[in-house]
């Protein structure tokens, strides 16, 4: 493994930690956006494929 001094280890944590956090946030937001888009697309396909059922408001 790499031989790092204490100062180098600290610097690696202070720089690398926020970068990894930003990457994780970006990946989760990208995934959320894709899932939201797929859900909307499937909902739209289901609405256009299924004929509108007549409402039966007079019966209980």
C-alpha atoms as a PDB file:
ATOM      1  CA  UNK A   1       0.000   0.000   0.000  1.00  0.00           C
ATOM      2  CA  UNK A   2       1.026   3.608  -0.239  1.00  0.00           C
ATOM      3  CA  UNK A   3       3.259   4.986   2.454  1.00  0.00           C
ATOM      4  CA  UNK A   4       1.663   8.278   3.434  1.00  0.00           C
ATOM      5  CA  UNK A   5       2.553  10.596   6.234  1.00  0.00           C
ATOM      6  CA  UNK A   6      -0.110  11.709   8.701  1.00  0.00           C
ATOM      7  CA  UNK A   7      -0.399  15.075   6.964  1.00  0.00           C
ATOM      8  CA  UNK A   8      -0.878  13.392   3.583  1.00  0.00           C
ATOM      9  CA  UNK A   9      -3.554  11.092   4.978  1.00  0.00           C
ATOM     10  CA  UNK A  10      -5.397  14.053   6.458  1.00  0.00           C
ATOM     11  CA  UNK A  11      -5.155  15.968   3.191  1.00  0.00           C
ATOM     12  CA  UNK A  12      -6.458  12.943   1.291  1.00  0.00           C
ATOM     13  CA  UNK A  13      -9.469  12.717   3.606  1.00  0.00           C
ATOM     14  CA  UNK A  14     -10.184  16.440   3.500  1.00  0.00           C
ATOM     15  CA  UNK A  15     -10.046  16.576  -0.302  1.00  0.00           C
ATOM     16  CA  UNK A  16     -11.337  13.118  -1.216  1.00  0.00           C
ATOM     17  CA  UNK A  17     -14.278  13.009   1.181  1.00  0.00           C
ATOM     18  CA  UNK A  18     -16.221  15.934  -0.292  1.00  0.00           C
ATOM     19  CA  UNK A  19     -15.455  14.759  -3.837  1.00  0.00           C
ATOM     20  CA  UNK A  20     -16.861  11.294  -3.134  1.00  0.00           C
ATOM     21  CA  UNK A  21     -19.889  12.903  -1.479  1.00  0.00           C
ATOM     22  CA  UNK A  22     -20.532  15.082  -4.532  1.00  0.00           C
ATOM     23  CA  UNK A  23     -20.248  12.079  -6.843  1.00  0.00           C
ATOM     24  CA  UNK A  24     -22.724  10.111  -4.730  1.00  0.00           C
ATOM     25  CA  UNK A  25     -25.180  13.002  -4.713  1.00  0.00           C
ATOM     26  CA  UNK A  26     -24.882  13.429  -8.484  1.00  0.00           C
ATOM     27  CA  UNK A  27     -25.438   9.710  -9.083  1.00  0.00           C
ATOM     28  CA  UNK A  28     -28.493   9.562  -6.823  1.00  0.00           C
ATOM     29  CA  UNK A  29     -30.086  12.633  -8.437  1.00  0.00           C
ATOM     30  CA  UNK A  30     -29.431  11.190 -11.889  1.00  0.00           C
ATOM     31  CA  UNK A  31     -31.064   7.908 -10.881  1.00  0.00           C
ATOM     32  CA  UNK A  32     -34.037   9.719  -9.320  1.00  0.00           C
ATOM     33  CA  UNK A  33     -34.565  11.714 -12.512  1.00  0.00           C
ATOM     34  CA  UNK A  34     -34.475   8.603 -14.657  1.00  0.00           C
ATOM     35  CA  UNK A  35     -36.943   6.764 -12.415  1.00  0.00           C
ATOM     36  CA  UNK A  36     -39.290   9.738 -12.383  1.00  0.00           C
ATOM     37  CA  UNK A  37     -39.142   9.959 -16.178  1.00  0.00           C
ATOM     38  CA  UNK A  38     -39.828   6.220 -16.573  1.00  0.00           C
ATOM     39  CA  UNK A  39     -42.769   6.391 -14.179  1.00  0.00           C
ATOM     40  CA  UNK A  40     -44.319   9.311 -16.066  1.00  0.00           C
ATOM     41  CA  UNK A  41     -43.768   7.545 -19.384  1.00  0.00           C
ATOM     42  CA  UNK A  42     -45.376   4.311 -18.141  1.00  0.00           C
ATOM     43  CA  UNK A  43     -48.305   6.225 -16.678  1.00  0.00           C
ATOM     44  CA  UNK A  44     -48.826   8.033 -19.987  1.00  0.00           C
ATOM     45  CA  UNK A  45     -48.650   4.752 -21.930  1.00  0.00           C
ATOM     46  CA  UNK A  46     -51.166   3.129 -19.573  1.00  0.00           C
ATOM     47  CA  UNK A  47     -53.591   6.036 -19.942  1.00  0.00           C
ATOM     48  CA  UNK A  48     -53.366   6.040 -23.719  1.00  0.00           C
ATOM     49  CA  UNK A  49     -53.650   2.229 -24.022  1.00  0.00           C
ATOM     50  CA  UNK A  50     -56.631   1.729 -21.714  1.00  0.00           C
ATOM     51  CA  UNK A  51     -59.953   3.127 -22.890  1.00  0.00           C
ATOM     52  CA  UNK A  52     -61.667   5.415 -20.447  1.00  0.00           C
ATOM     53  CA  UNK A  53     -64.175   3.437 -18.392  1.00  0.00           C
ATOM     54  CA  UNK A  54     -67.623   5.013 -18.136  1.00  0.00           C
ATOM     55  CA  UNK A  55     -68.330   6.451 -14.739  1.00  0.00           C
ATOM     56  CA  UNK A  56     -71.084   4.853 -12.776  1.00  0.00           C
ATOM     57  CA  UNK A  57     -71.988   7.710 -10.450  1.00  0.00           C
ATOM     58  CA  UNK A  58     -75.679   6.798 -10.023  1.00  0.00           C
ATOM     59  CA  UNK A  59     -75.013   3.421  -8.397  1.00  0.00           C
ATOM     60  CA  UNK A  60     -73.556   2.847  -4.987  1.00  0.00           C
END
